Amino acid sequence: MRHLIIKTAFATTLGIAAVSSAFAYADDENTRFSATTSEPTANERAPYGYLTNGQPERIVTLGKDAKYLNVTRMETIRINVAGKSVTWNFDTLGTPTFLLSDIIPEAKGIRVYVSEKPIYLGG
């Protein structure tokens, strides 16, 4: 008899636990997680970064004799070259160097060298 009471109490406890855990999860849109299937934005796909209206960290004026421009990845720079002014964010993960004319056609023969931000280098 005592064995039957223990089995019944155990089964009842399991049943109560199962029912209360079912009520503990509210199945609505605010509690579900799902993987996003959206495509990357144009800025995320741009290998050299993108135009921005943001505040530049520095302003660089390149003359006719300029051969290179050193930048840091994720740096925002206002570039003045050949009478044109562009504010550019160098979001260039995986692109260590490119021609400035790829983003500013008037900037012929100027190579951009992109260094990594020290904070991302680890240590």
PDB file of N, CA and C in Angstrom:
ATOM      1  N   MET A   1       0.818  -1.191   0.000  1.00  0.00           N
ATOM      2  CA  MET A   1       0.000   0.000   0.000  1.00  0.00           C
ATOM      3  C   MET A   1       0.866   1.262   0.000  1.00  0.00           C
ATOM      4  N   ARG A   2       1.888   1.254   0.849  1.00  0.00           N
ATOM      5  CA  ARG A   2       2.767   2.422   0.907  1.00  0.00           C
ATOM      6  C   ARG A   2       3.453   2.645  -0.433  1.00  0.00           C
ATOM      7  N   HIS A   3       3.835   1.546  -1.102  1.00  0.00           N
ATOM      8  CA  HIS A   3       4.482   1.617  -2.401  1.00  0.00           C
ATOM      9  C   HIS A   3       3.529   2.242  -3.428  1.00  0.00           C
ATOM     10  N   LEU A   4       2.256   1.896  -3.390  1.00  0.00           N
ATOM     11  CA  LEU A   4       1.251   2.448  -4.307  1.00  0.00           C
ATOM     12  C   LEU A   4       1.052   3.940  -4.063  1.00  0.00           C
ATOM     13  N   ILE A   5       1.066   4.375  -2.823  1.00  0.00           N
ATOM     14  CA  ILE A   5       0.907   5.801  -2.496  1.00  0.00           C
ATOM     15  C   ILE A   5       2.104   6.597  -3.033  1.00  0.00           C
ATOM     16  N   ILE A   6       3.295   6.056  -2.905  1.00  0.00           N
ATOM     17  CA  ILE A   6       4.496   6.746  -3.402  1.00  0.00           C
ATOM     18  C   ILE A   6       4.440   6.862  -4.921  1.00  0.00           C
ATOM     19  N   LYS A   7       4.044   5.775  -5.613  1.00  0.00           N
ATOM     20  CA  LYS A   7       3.926   5.811  -7.071  1.00  0.00           C
ATOM     21  C   LYS A   7       2.883   6.838  -7.511  1.00  0.00           C
ATOM     22  N   THR A   8       1.779   6.878  -6.836  1.00  0.00           N
ATOM     23  CA  THR A   8       0.712   7.819  -7.181  1.00  0.00           C
ATOM     24  C   THR A   8       1.170   9.252  -6.949  1.00  0.00           C
ATOM     25  N   ALA A   9       1.836   9.509  -5.856  1.00  0.00           N
ATOM     26  CA  ALA A   9       2.338  10.847  -5.555  1.00  0.00           C
ATOM     27  C   ALA A   9       3.380  11.269  -6.591  1.00  0.00           C
ATOM     28  N   PHE A  10       4.249  10.354  -6.996  1.00  0.00           N
ATOM     29  CA  PHE A  10       5.269  10.652  -7.990  1.00  0.00           C
ATOM     30  C   PHE A  10       4.638  10.972  -9.347  1.00  0.00           C
ATOM     31  N   ALA A  11       3.662  10.162  -9.751  1.00  0.00           N
ATOM     32  CA  ALA A  11       2.982  10.381 -11.026  1.00  0.00           C
ATOM     33  C   ALA A  11       2.239  11.709 -11.013  1.00  0.00           C
ATOM     34  N   THR A  12       1.613  12.044  -9.910  1.00  0.00           N
ATOM     35  CA  THR A  12       0.893  13.304  -9.790  1.00  0.00           C
ATOM     36  C   THR A  12       1.865  14.482  -9.885  1.00  0.00           C
ATOM     37  N   THR A  13       2.996  14.371  -9.216  1.00  0.00           N
ATOM     38  CA  THR A  13       4.004  15.433  -9.260  1.00  0.00           C
ATOM     39  C   THR A  13       4.510  15.639 -10.685  1.00  0.00           C
ATOM     40  N   LEU A  14       4.788  14.556 -11.406  1.00  0.00           N
ATOM     41  CA  LEU A  14       5.234  14.672 -12.792  1.00  0.00           C
ATOM     42  C   LEU A  14       4.159  15.327 -13.660  1.00  0.00           C
ATOM     43  N   GLY A  15       2.935  14.952 -13.472  1.00  0.00           N
ATOM     44  CA  GLY A  15       1.829  15.530 -14.246  1.00  0.00           C
ATOM     45  C   GLY A  15       1.688  17.018 -13.999  1.00  0.00           C
ATOM     46  N   ILE A  16       1.765  17.435 -12.760  1.00  0.00           N
ATOM     47  CA  ILE A  16       1.663  18.862 -12.415  1.00  0.00           C
ATOM     48  C   ILE A  16       2.833  19.630 -13.021  1.00  0.00           C
ATOM     49  N   ALA A  17       4.033  19.052 -12.963  1.00  0.00           N
ATOM     50  CA  ALA A  17       5.212  19.716 -13.528  1.00  0.00           C
ATOM     51  C   ALA A  17       5.068  19.880 -15.035  1.00  0.00           C
ATOM     52  N   ALA A  18       4.565  18.871 -15.719  1.00  0.00           N
ATOM     53  CA  ALA A  18       4.402  18.942 -17.169  1.00  0.00           C
ATOM     54  C   ALA A  18       3.378  19.998 -17.560  1.00  0.00           C
ATOM     55  N   VAL A  19       2.250  20.046 -16.827  1.00  0.00           N
ATOM     56  CA  VAL A  19       1.201  21.020 -17.131  1.00  0.00           C
ATOM     57  C   VAL A  19       1.682  22.439 -16.847  1.00  0.00           C
ATOM     58  N   SER A  20       2.359  22.661 -15.737  1.00  0.00           N
ATOM     59  CA  SER A  20       2.795  24.014 -15.400  1.00  0.00           C
ATOM     60  C   SER A  20       3.902  24.482 -16.344  1.00  0.00           C
ATOM     61  N   SER A  21       4.756  23.585 -16.836  1.00  0.00           N
ATOM     62  CA  SER A  21       5.782  24.026 -17.785  1.00  0.00           C
ATOM     63  C   SER A  21       5.156  24.361 -19.137  1.00  0.00           C
ATOM     64  N   ALA A  22       4.051  23.713 -19.473  1.00  0.00           N
ATOM     65  CA  ALA A  22       3.369  24.041 -20.727  1.00  0.00           C
ATOM     66  C   ALA A  22       2.798  25.445 -20.671  1.00  0.00           C
ATOM     67  N   PHE A  23       2.339  25.876 -19.513  1.00  0.00           N
ATOM     68  CA  PHE A  23       1.783  27.225 -19.367  1.00  0.00           C
ATOM     69  C   PHE A  23       2.875  28.287 -19.182  1.00  0.00           C
ATOM     70  N   ALA A  24       4.082  27.868 -18.877  1.00  0.00           N
ATOM     71  CA  ALA A  24       5.154  28.816 -18.631  1.00  0.00           C
ATOM     72  C   ALA A  24       5.633  29.486 -19.909  1.00  0.00           C
ATOM     73  N   TYR A  25       5.398  28.877 -21.077  1.00  0.00           N
ATOM     74  CA  TYR A  25       5.843  29.433 -22.351  1.00  0.00           C
ATOM     75  C   TYR A  25       4.642  29.952 -23.116  1.00  0.00           C
ATOM     76  N   ALA A  26       4.628  31.229 -23.340  1.00  0.00           N
ATOM     77  CA  ALA A  26       3.555  31.831 -24.134  1.00  0.00           C
ATOM     78  C   ALA A  26       4.015  31.854 -25.577  1.00  0.00           C
ATOM     79  N   ASP A  27       3.328  31.154 -26.434  1.00  0.00           N
ATOM     80  CA  ASP A  27       3.728  31.044 -27.840  1.00  0.00           C
ATOM     81  C   ASP A  27       3.146  32.202 -28.632  1.00  0.00           C
ATOM     82  N   ASP A  28       3.859  33.334 -28.625  1.00  0.00           N
ATOM     83  CA  ASP A  28       3.427  34.468 -29.431  1.00  0.00           C
ATOM     84  C   ASP A  28       4.627  35.040 -30.165  1.00  0.00           C
ATOM     85  N   GLU A  29       4.407  36.007 -31.024  1.00  0.00           N
ATOM     86  CA  GLU A  29       5.469  36.552 -31.864  1.00  0.00           C
ATOM     87  C   GLU A  29       6.568  37.233 -31.071  1.00  0.00           C
ATOM     88  N   ASN A  30       6.279  37.720 -29.877  1.00  0.00           N
ATOM     89  CA  ASN A  30       7.279  38.430 -29.088  1.00  0.00           C
ATOM     90  C   ASN A  30       8.278  37.498 -28.414  1.00  0.00           C
ATOM     91  N   THR A  31       7.973  36.208 -28.326  1.00  0.00           N
ATOM     92  CA  THR A  31       8.866  35.310 -27.617  1.00  0.00           C
ATOM     93  C   THR A  31       9.581  34.338 -28.537  1.00  0.00           C
ATOM     94  N   ARG A  32       9.291  34.338 -29.816  1.00  0.00           N
ATOM     95  CA  ARG A  32       9.936  33.405 -30.744  1.00  0.00           C
ATOM     96  C   ARG A  32      11.135  34.053 -31.406  1.00  0.00           C
ATOM     97  N   PHE A  33      12.128  33.236 -31.668  1.00  0.00           N
ATOM     98  CA  PHE A  33      13.315  33.687 -32.376  1.00  0.00           C
ATOM     99  C   PHE A  33      13.387  32.930 -33.687  1.00  0.00           C
ATOM    100  N   SER A  34      13.823  33.631 -34.728  1.00  0.00           N
ATOM    101  CA  SER A  34      13.999  32.957 -36.003  1.00  0.00           C
ATOM    102  C   SER A  34      15.197  33.551 -36.720  1.00  0.00           C
ATOM    103  N   ALA A  35      15.774  32.770 -37.594  1.00  0.00           N
ATOM    104  CA  ALA A  35      16.919  33.246 -38.368  1.00  0.00           C
ATOM    105  C   ALA A  35      16.426  34.256 -39.393  1.00  0.00           C
ATOM    106  N   THR A  36      17.217  35.294 -39.604  1.00  0.00           N
ATOM    107  CA  THR A  36      16.845  36.297 -40.580  1.00  0.00           C
ATOM    108  C   THR A  36      17.283  35.839 -41.969  1.00  0.00           C
ATOM    109  N   THR A  37      16.464  36.083 -42.933  1.00  0.00           N
ATOM    110  CA  THR A  37      16.785  35.682 -44.299  1.00  0.00           C
ATOM    111  C   THR A  37      16.940  36.899 -45.196  1.00  0.00           C
ATOM    112  N   SER A  38      17.094  38.075 -44.598  1.00  0.00           N
ATOM    113  CA  SER A  38      17.210  39.288 -45.401  1.00  0.00           C
ATOM    114  C   SER A  38      18.570  39.361 -46.079  1.00  0.00           C
ATOM    115  N   GLU A  39      18.584  40.013 -47.194  1.00  0.00           N
ATOM    116  CA  GLU A  39      19.815  40.216 -47.960  1.00  0.00           C
ATOM    117  C   GLU A  39      20.649  41.320 -47.323  1.00  0.00           C
ATOM    118  N   PRO A  40      21.981  41.287 -47.517  1.00  0.00           N
ATOM    119  CA  PRO A  40      22.811  42.386 -47.015  1.00  0.00           C
ATOM    120  C   PRO A  40      22.454  43.696 -47.712  1.00  0.00           C
ATOM    121  N   THR A  41      22.645  44.797 -47.013  1.00  0.00           N
ATOM    122  CA  THR A  41      22.362  46.104 -47.608  1.00  0.00           C
ATOM    123  C   THR A  41      23.438  46.439 -48.628  1.00  0.00           C
ATOM    124  N   ALA A  42      23.187  47.471 -49.421  1.00  0.00           N
ATOM    125  CA  ALA A  42      24.175  47.911 -50.411  1.00  0.00           C
ATOM    126  C   ALA A  42      25.468  48.324 -49.720  1.00  0.00           C
ATOM    127  N   ASN A  43      25.369  48.984 -48.572  1.00  0.00           N
ATOM    128  CA  ASN A  43      26.567  49.383 -47.829  1.00  0.00           C
ATOM    129  C   ASN A  43      27.356  48.161 -47.358  1.00  0.00           C
ATOM    130  N   GLU A  44      26.668  47.108 -46.935  1.00  0.00           N
ATOM    131  CA  GLU A  44      27.345  45.910 -46.465  1.00  0.00           C
ATOM    132  C   GLU A  44      28.030  45.164 -47.610  1.00  0.00           C
ATOM    133  N   ARG A  45      27.516  45.313 -48.832  1.00  0.00           N
ATOM    134  CA  ARG A  45      28.109  44.645 -49.992  1.00  0.00           C
ATOM    135  C   ARG A  45      29.228  45.454 -50.638  1.00  0.00           C
ATOM    136  N   ALA A  46      29.358  46.721 -50.315  1.00  0.00           N
ATOM    137  CA  ALA A  46      30.342  47.594 -50.960  1.00  0.00           C
ATOM    138  C   ALA A  46      31.754  47.264 -50.474  1.00  0.00           C
ATOM    139  N   PRO A  47      32.658  46.838 -51.362  1.00  0.00           N
ATOM    140  CA  PRO A  47      33.989  46.418 -50.914  1.00  0.00           C
ATOM    141  C   PRO A  47      34.893  47.561 -50.459  1.00  0.00           C
ATOM    142  N   TYR A  48      34.599  48.807 -50.872  1.00  0.00           N
ATOM    143  CA  TYR A  48      35.462  49.935 -50.534  1.00  0.00           C
ATOM    144  C   TYR A  48      34.843  50.862 -49.493  1.00  0.00           C
ATOM    145  N   GLY A  49      33.666  50.544 -49.006  1.00  0.00           N
ATOM    146  CA  GLY A  49      32.967  51.417 -48.073  1.00  0.00           C
ATOM    147  C   GLY A  49      31.829  52.115 -48.777  1.00  0.00           C
ATOM    148  N   TYR A  50      31.420  53.278 -48.247  1.00  0.00           N
ATOM    149  CA  TYR A  50      30.240  53.932 -48.797  1.00  0.00           C
ATOM    150  C   TYR A  50      30.225  55.418 -48.478  1.00  0.00           C
ATOM    151  N   LEU A  51      29.478  56.166 -49.318  1.00  0.00           N
ATOM    152  CA  LEU A  51      29.235  57.586 -49.080  1.00  0.00           C
ATOM    153  C   LEU A  51      28.442  57.747 -47.803  1.00  0.00           C
ATOM    154  N   THR A  52      28.693  58.814 -47.087  1.00  0.00           N
ATOM    155  CA  THR A  52      27.942  59.058 -45.854  1.00  0.00           C
ATOM    156  C   THR A  52      27.725  60.549 -45.657  1.00  0.00           C
ATOM    157  N   ASN A  53      26.702  60.868 -44.917  1.00  0.00           N
ATOM    158  CA  ASN A  53      26.451  62.253 -44.509  1.00  0.00           C
ATOM    159  C   ASN A  53      26.982  62.496 -43.103  1.00  0.00           C
ATOM    160  N   GLY A  54      27.619  61.490 -42.529  1.00  0.00           N
ATOM    161  CA  GLY A  54      28.119  61.580 -41.159  1.00  0.00           C
ATOM    162  C   GLY A  54      29.251  62.577 -41.010  1.00  0.00           C
ATOM    163  N   GLN A  55      29.549  62.882 -39.770  1.00  0.00           N
ATOM    164  CA  GLN A  55      30.628  63.806 -39.431  1.00  0.00           C
ATOM    165  C   GLN A  55      31.977  63.126 -39.713  1.00  0.00           C
ATOM    166  N   PRO A  56      32.840  63.744 -40.540  1.00  0.00           N
ATOM    167  CA  PRO A  56      34.143  63.121 -40.803  1.00  0.00           C
ATOM    168  C   PRO A  56      35.065  63.218 -39.593  1.00  0.00           C
ATOM    169  N   GLU A  57      35.906  62.208 -39.443  1.00  0.00           N
ATOM    170  CA  GLU A  57      36.911  62.213 -38.386  1.00  0.00           C
ATOM    171  C   GLU A  57      38.081  63.108 -38.765  1.00  0.00           C
ATOM    172  N   ARG A  58      38.291  63.253 -40.072  1.00  0.00           N
ATOM    173  CA  ARG A  58      39.322  64.169 -40.561  1.00  0.00           C
ATOM    174  C   ARG A  58      38.989  64.565 -41.998  1.00  0.00           C
ATOM    175  N   ILE A  59      39.640  65.632 -42.452  1.00  0.00           N
ATOM    176  CA  ILE A  59      39.456  66.139 -43.809  1.00  0.00           C
ATOM    177  C   ILE A  59      40.811  66.077 -44.503  1.00  0.00           C
ATOM    178  N   VAL A  60      40.826  65.472 -45.698  1.00  0.00           N
ATOM    179  CA  VAL A  60      42.064  65.300 -46.445  1.00  0.00           C
ATOM    180  C   VAL A  60      41.903  65.980 -47.801  1.00  0.00           C
ATOM    181  N   THR A  61      42.859  66.830 -48.154  1.00  0.00           N
ATOM    182  CA  THR A  61      42.888  67.441 -49.476  1.00  0.00           C
ATOM    183  C   THR A  61      44.071  66.861 -50.228  1.00  0.00           C
ATOM    184  N   LEU A  62      43.786  66.239 -51.370  1.00  0.00           N
ATOM    185  CA  LEU A  62      44.823  65.598 -52.168  1.00  0.00           C
ATOM    186  C   LEU A  62      45.120  66.451 -53.403  1.00  0.00           C
ATOM    187  N   GLY A  63      46.396  66.773 -53.592  1.00  0.00           N
ATOM    188  CA  GLY A  63      46.816  67.566 -54.750  1.00  0.00           C
ATOM    189  C   GLY A  63      47.070  66.694 -55.966  1.00  0.00           C
ATOM    190  N   LYS A  64      47.484  67.335 -57.053  1.00  0.00           N
ATOM    191  CA  LYS A  64      47.751  66.628 -58.316  1.00  0.00           C
ATOM    192  C   LYS A  64      48.856  65.589 -58.181  1.00  0.00           C
ATOM    193  N   ASP A  65      49.807  65.834 -57.294  1.00  0.00           N
ATOM    194  CA  ASP A  65      50.959  64.946 -57.159  1.00  0.00           C
ATOM    195  C   ASP A  65      50.739  63.819 -56.150  1.00  0.00           C
ATOM    196  N   ALA A  66      49.578  63.746 -55.555  1.00  0.00           N
ATOM    197  CA  ALA A  66      49.316  62.710 -54.536  1.00  0.00           C
ATOM    198  C   ALA A  66      49.367  61.326 -55.173  1.00  0.00           C
ATOM    199  N   LYS A  67      50.007  60.406 -54.476  1.00  0.00           N
ATOM    200  CA  LYS A  67      50.143  59.029 -54.966  1.00  0.00           C
ATOM    201  C   LYS A  67      49.415  58.020 -54.088  1.00  0.00           C
ATOM    202  N   TYR A  68      49.155  58.399 -52.828  1.00  0.00           N
ATOM    203  CA  TYR A  68      48.513  57.447 -51.930  1.00  0.00           C
ATOM    204  C   TYR A  68      47.719  58.182 -50.851  1.00  0.00           C
ATOM    205  N   LEU A  69      46.835  57.417 -50.211  1.00  0.00           N
ATOM    206  CA  LEU A  69      46.044  57.899 -49.083  1.00  0.00           C
ATOM    207  C   LEU A  69      45.996  56.778 -48.062  1.00  0.00           C
ATOM    208  N   ASN A  70      46.455  57.041 -46.844  1.00  0.00           N
ATOM    209  CA  ASN A  70      46.397  56.059 -45.773  1.00  0.00           C
ATOM    210  C   ASN A  70      45.132  56.289 -44.960  1.00  0.00           C
ATOM    211  N   VAL A  71      44.363  55.235 -44.762  1.00  0.00           N
ATOM    212  CA  VAL A  71      43.139  55.313 -43.965  1.00  0.00           C
ATOM    213  C   VAL A  71      43.104  54.134 -43.007  1.00  0.00           C
ATOM    214  N   THR A  72      42.198  54.213 -42.052  1.00  0.00           N
ATOM    215  CA  THR A  72      41.947  53.116 -41.127  1.00  0.00           C
ATOM    216  C   THR A  72      40.547  52.595 -41.397  1.00  0.00           C
ATOM    217  N   ARG A  73      40.400  51.279 -41.361  1.00  0.00           N
ATOM    218  CA  ARG A  73      39.092  50.683 -41.611  1.00  0.00           C
ATOM    219  C   ARG A  73      38.055  51.277 -40.651  1.00  0.00           C
ATOM    220  N   MET A  74      36.881  51.587 -41.167  1.00  0.00           N
ATOM    221  CA  MET A  74      35.738  52.185 -40.478  1.00  0.00           C
ATOM    222  C   MET A  74      35.929  53.673 -40.198  1.00  0.00           C
ATOM    223  N   GLU A  75      36.982  54.270 -40.729  1.00  0.00           N
ATOM    224  CA  GLU A  75      37.213  55.700 -40.564  1.00  0.00           C
ATOM    225  C   GLU A  75      36.349  56.462 -41.571  1.00  0.00           C
ATOM    226  N   THR A  76      35.810  57.594 -41.139  1.00  0.00           N
ATOM    227  CA  THR A  76      35.031  58.467 -42.018  1.00  0.00           C
ATOM    228  C   THR A  76      35.879  59.690 -42.324  1.00  0.00           C
ATOM    229  N   ILE A  77      36.110  59.915 -43.629  1.00  0.00           N
ATOM    230  CA  ILE A  77      36.990  60.994 -44.071  1.00  0.00           C
ATOM    231  C   ILE A  77      36.295  61.817 -45.152  1.00  0.00           C
ATOM    232  N   ARG A  78      36.438  63.138 -45.060  1.00  0.00           N
ATOM    233  CA  ARG A  78      36.024  64.009 -46.159  1.00  0.00           C
ATOM    234  C   ARG A  78      37.246  64.172 -47.049  1.00  0.00           C
ATOM    235  N   ILE A  79      37.109  63.744 -48.304  1.00  0.00           N
ATOM    236  CA  ILE A  79      38.216  63.781 -49.253  1.00  0.00           C
ATOM    237  C   ILE A  79      37.940  64.880 -50.271  1.00  0.00           C
ATOM    238  N   ASN A  80      38.892  65.802 -50.395  1.00  0.00           N
ATOM    239  CA  ASN A  80      38.838  66.853 -51.415  1.00  0.00           C
ATOM    240  C   ASN A  80      39.901  66.512 -52.449  1.00  0.00           C
ATOM    241  N   VAL A  81      39.455  66.263 -53.683  1.00  0.00           N
ATOM    242  CA  VAL A  81      40.395  65.914 -54.743  1.00  0.00           C
ATOM    243  C   VAL A  81      39.825  66.358 -56.088  1.00  0.00           C
ATOM    244  N   ALA A  82      40.646  66.991 -56.887  1.00  0.00           N
ATOM    245  CA  ALA A  82      40.285  67.419 -58.245  1.00  0.00           C
ATOM    246  C   ALA A  82      38.980  68.213 -58.265  1.00  0.00           C
ATOM    247  N   GLY A  83      38.802  69.094 -57.292  1.00  0.00           N
ATOM    248  CA  GLY A  83      37.607  69.935 -57.250  1.00  0.00           C
ATOM    249  C   GLY A  83      36.352  69.238 -56.759  1.00  0.00           C
ATOM    250  N   LYS A  84      36.474  68.030 -56.291  1.00  0.00           N
ATOM    251  CA  LYS A  84      35.321  67.274 -55.791  1.00  0.00           C
ATOM    252  C   LYS A  84      35.518  66.983 -54.307  1.00  0.00           C
ATOM    253  N   SER A  85      34.431  67.007 -53.542  1.00  0.00           N
ATOM    254  CA  SER A  85      34.477  66.708 -52.115  1.00  0.00           C
ATOM    255  C   SER A  85      33.509  65.565 -51.817  1.00  0.00           C
ATOM    256  N   VAL A  86      34.017  64.538 -51.155  1.00  0.00           N
ATOM    257  CA  VAL A  86      33.229  63.345 -50.843  1.00  0.00           C
ATOM    258  C   VAL A  86      33.499  62.955 -49.398  1.00  0.00           C
ATOM    259  N   THR A  87      32.449  62.638 -48.647  1.00  0.00           N
ATOM    260  CA  THR A  87      32.629  62.096 -47.300  1.00  0.00           C
ATOM    261  C   THR A  87      32.396  60.594 -47.391  1.00  0.00           C
ATOM    262  N   TRP A  88      33.401  59.839 -47.006  1.00  0.00           N
ATOM    263  CA  TRP A  88      33.414  58.397 -47.244  1.00  0.00           C
ATOM    264  C   TRP A  88      33.726  57.643 -45.966  1.00  0.00           C
ATOM    265  N   ASN A  89      32.986  56.546 -45.729  1.00  0.00           N
ATOM    266  CA  ASN A  89      33.286  55.642 -44.624  1.00  0.00           C
ATOM    267  C   ASN A  89      33.998  54.432 -45.211  1.00  0.00           C
ATOM    268  N   PHE A  90      35.215  54.191 -44.761  1.00  0.00           N
ATOM    269  CA  PHE A  90      36.036  53.106 -45.292  1.00  0.00           C
ATOM    270  C   PHE A  90      35.728  51.796 -44.575  1.00  0.00           C
ATOM    271  N   ASP A  91      34.526  51.276 -44.807  1.00  0.00           N
ATOM    272  CA  ASP A  91      34.077  49.987 -44.278  1.00  0.00           C
ATOM    273  C   ASP A  91      34.556  48.923 -45.264  1.00  0.00           C
ATOM    274  N   THR A  92      35.814  48.502 -45.126  1.00  0.00           N
ATOM    275  CA  THR A  92      36.484  47.727 -46.166  1.00  0.00           C
ATOM    276  C   THR A  92      36.998  46.377 -45.689  1.00  0.00           C
ATOM    277  N   LEU A  93      36.256  45.671 -44.892  1.00  0.00           N
ATOM    278  CA  LEU A  93      36.728  44.396 -44.364  1.00  0.00           C
ATOM    279  C   LEU A  93      37.206  43.493 -45.505  1.00  0.00           C
ATOM    280  N   GLY A  94      38.463  43.109 -45.458  1.00  0.00           N
ATOM    281  CA  GLY A  94      39.018  42.218 -46.471  1.00  0.00           C
ATOM    282  C   GLY A  94      39.594  42.926 -47.685  1.00  0.00           C
ATOM    283  N   THR A  95      39.588  44.250 -47.706  1.00  0.00           N
ATOM    284  CA  THR A  95      40.148  45.004 -48.828  1.00  0.00           C
ATOM    285  C   THR A  95      41.269  45.893 -48.298  1.00  0.00           C
ATOM    286  N   PRO A  96      42.526  45.437 -48.405  1.00  0.00           N
ATOM    287  CA  PRO A  96      43.627  46.204 -47.825  1.00  0.00           C
ATOM    288  C   PRO A  96      44.109  47.376 -48.685  1.00  0.00           C
ATOM    289  N   THR A  97      43.839  47.345 -49.991  1.00  0.00           N
ATOM    290  CA  THR A  97      44.286  48.422 -50.870  1.00  0.00           C
ATOM    291  C   THR A  97      43.417  48.460 -52.120  1.00  0.00           C
ATOM    292  N   PHE A  98      43.222  49.659 -52.646  1.00  0.00           N
ATOM    293  CA  PHE A  98      42.472  49.839 -53.887  1.00  0.00           C
ATOM    294  C   PHE A  98      42.768  51.225 -54.436  1.00  0.00           C
ATOM    295  N   LEU A  99      42.381  51.457 -55.676  1.00  0.00           N
ATOM    296  CA  LEU A  99      42.570  52.770 -56.287  1.00  0.00           C
ATOM    297  C   LEU A  99      41.439  53.696 -55.878  1.00  0.00           C
ATOM    298  N   LEU A 100      41.782  54.911 -55.479  1.00  0.00           N
ATOM    299  CA  LEU A 100      40.777  55.886 -55.087  1.00  0.00           C
ATOM    300  C   LEU A 100      39.828  56.192 -56.249  1.00  0.00           C
ATOM    301  N   SER A 101      40.312  56.056 -57.473  1.00  0.00           N
ATOM    302  CA  SER A 101      39.461  56.295 -58.648  1.00  0.00           C
ATOM    303  C   SER A 101      38.308  55.288 -58.739  1.00  0.00           C
ATOM    304  N   ASP A 102      38.382  54.179 -57.988  1.00  0.00           N
ATOM    305  CA  ASP A 102      37.257  53.235 -57.944  1.00  0.00           C
ATOM    306  C   ASP A 102      36.046  53.850 -57.255  1.00  0.00           C
ATOM    307  N   ILE A 103      36.275  54.857 -56.388  1.00  0.00           N
ATOM    308  CA  ILE A 103      35.147  55.511 -55.719  1.00  0.00           C
ATOM    309  C   ILE A 103      34.992  56.972 -56.127  1.00  0.00           C
ATOM    310  N   ILE A 104      36.107  57.592 -56.531  1.00  0.00           N
ATOM    311  CA  ILE A 104      36.067  58.981 -57.015  1.00  0.00           C
ATOM    312  C   ILE A 104      36.791  58.996 -58.366  1.00  0.00           C
ATOM    313  N   PRO A 105      36.079  58.926 -59.468  1.00  0.00           N
ATOM    314  CA  PRO A 105      36.711  58.804 -60.784  1.00  0.00           C
ATOM    315  C   PRO A 105      37.770  59.877 -61.076  1.00  0.00           C
ATOM    316  N   GLU A 106      37.621  61.072 -60.511  1.00  0.00           N
ATOM    317  CA  GLU A 106      38.583  62.155 -60.751  1.00  0.00           C
ATOM    318  C   GLU A 106      39.926  61.943 -60.054  1.00  0.00           C
ATOM    319  N   ALA A 107      40.001  61.002 -59.143  1.00  0.00           N
ATOM    320  CA  ALA A 107      41.216  60.770 -58.344  1.00  0.00           C
ATOM    321  C   ALA A 107      42.111  59.737 -59.020  1.00  0.00           C
ATOM    322  N   LYS A 108      42.632  60.071 -60.169  1.00  0.00           N
ATOM    323  CA  LYS A 108      43.452  59.140 -60.960  1.00  0.00           C
ATOM    324  C   LYS A 108      44.824  58.916 -60.315  1.00  0.00           C
ATOM    325  N   GLY A 109      45.245  57.637 -60.281  1.00  0.00           N
ATOM    326  CA  GLY A 109      46.586  57.290 -59.846  1.00  0.00           C
ATOM    327  C   GLY A 109      46.845  57.330 -58.351  1.00  0.00           C
ATOM    328  N   ILE A 110      45.819  57.486 -57.544  1.00  0.00           N
ATOM    329  CA  ILE A 110      45.999  57.533 -56.087  1.00  0.00           C
ATOM    330  C   ILE A 110      45.571  56.196 -55.494  1.00  0.00           C
ATOM    331  N   ARG A 111      46.476  55.547 -54.783  1.00  0.00           N
ATOM    332  CA  ARG A 111      46.181  54.264 -54.157  1.00  0.00           C
ATOM    333  C   ARG A 111      45.812  54.480 -52.694  1.00  0.00           C
ATOM    334  N   VAL A 112      44.755  53.787 -52.252  1.00  0.00           N
ATOM    335  CA  VAL A 112      44.307  53.842 -50.855  1.00  0.00           C
ATOM    336  C   VAL A 112      44.857  52.616 -50.136  1.00  0.00           C
ATOM    337  N   TYR A 113      45.514  52.849 -48.997  1.00  0.00           N
ATOM    338  CA  TYR A 113      46.017  51.774 -48.149  1.00  0.00           C
ATOM    339  C   TYR A 113      45.193  51.773 -46.864  1.00  0.00           C
ATOM    340  N   VAL A 114      44.548  50.648 -46.605  1.00  0.00           N
ATOM    341  CA  VAL A 114      43.649  50.533 -45.456  1.00  0.00           C
ATOM    342  C   VAL A 114      44.325  49.725 -44.363  1.00  0.00           C
ATOM    343  N   SER A 115      44.492  50.335 -43.202  1.00  0.00           N
ATOM    344  CA  SER A 115      45.032  49.605 -42.055  1.00  0.00           C
ATOM    345  C   SER A 115      43.882  49.249 -41.114  1.00  0.00           C
ATOM    346  N   GLU A 116      44.118  48.254 -40.294  1.00  0.00           N
ATOM    347  CA  GLU A 116      43.104  47.803 -39.335  1.00  0.00           C
ATOM    348  C   GLU A 116      43.135  48.708 -38.117  1.00  0.00           C
ATOM    349  N   LYS A 117      41.975  48.913 -37.503  1.00  0.00           N
ATOM    350  CA  LYS A 117      41.920  49.666 -36.253  1.00  0.00           C
ATOM    351  C   LYS A 117      42.659  48.884 -35.177  1.00  0.00           C
ATOM    352  N   PRO A 118      43.506  49.548 -34.403  1.00  0.00           N
ATOM    353  CA  PRO A 118      44.247  48.841 -33.354  1.00  0.00           C
ATOM    354  C   PRO A 118      43.352  48.068 -32.388  1.00  0.00           C
ATOM    355  N   ILE A 119      42.161  48.570 -32.141  1.00  0.00           N
ATOM    356  CA  ILE A 119      41.251  47.895 -31.206  1.00  0.00           C
ATOM    357  C   ILE A 119      40.860  46.502 -31.695  1.00  0.00           C
ATOM    358  N   TYR A 120      40.893  46.280 -33.029  1.00  0.00           N
ATOM    359  CA  TYR A 120      40.511  44.985 -33.589  1.00  0.00           C
ATOM    360  C   TYR A 120      41.685  44.036 -33.748  1.00  0.00           C
ATOM    361  N   LEU A 121      42.897  44.486 -33.491  1.00  0.00           N
ATOM    362  CA  LEU A 121      44.077  43.649 -33.709  1.00  0.00           C
ATOM    363  C   LEU A 121      44.302  42.637 -32.607  1.00  0.00           C
ATOM    364  N   GLY A 122      43.729  42.863 -31.449  1.00  0.00           N
ATOM    365  CA  GLY A 122      43.927  41.940 -30.333  1.00  0.00           C
ATOM    366  C   GLY A 122      45.319  42.099 -29.736  1.00  0.00           C
ATOM    367  N   GLY A 123      45.640  41.269 -28.817  1.00  0.00           N
ATOM    368  CA  GLY A 123      46.979  41.443 -28.257  1.00  0.00           C
ATOM    369  C   GLY A 123      47.249  40.585 -27.159  1.00  0.00           C
TER     370      GLY A 123
END
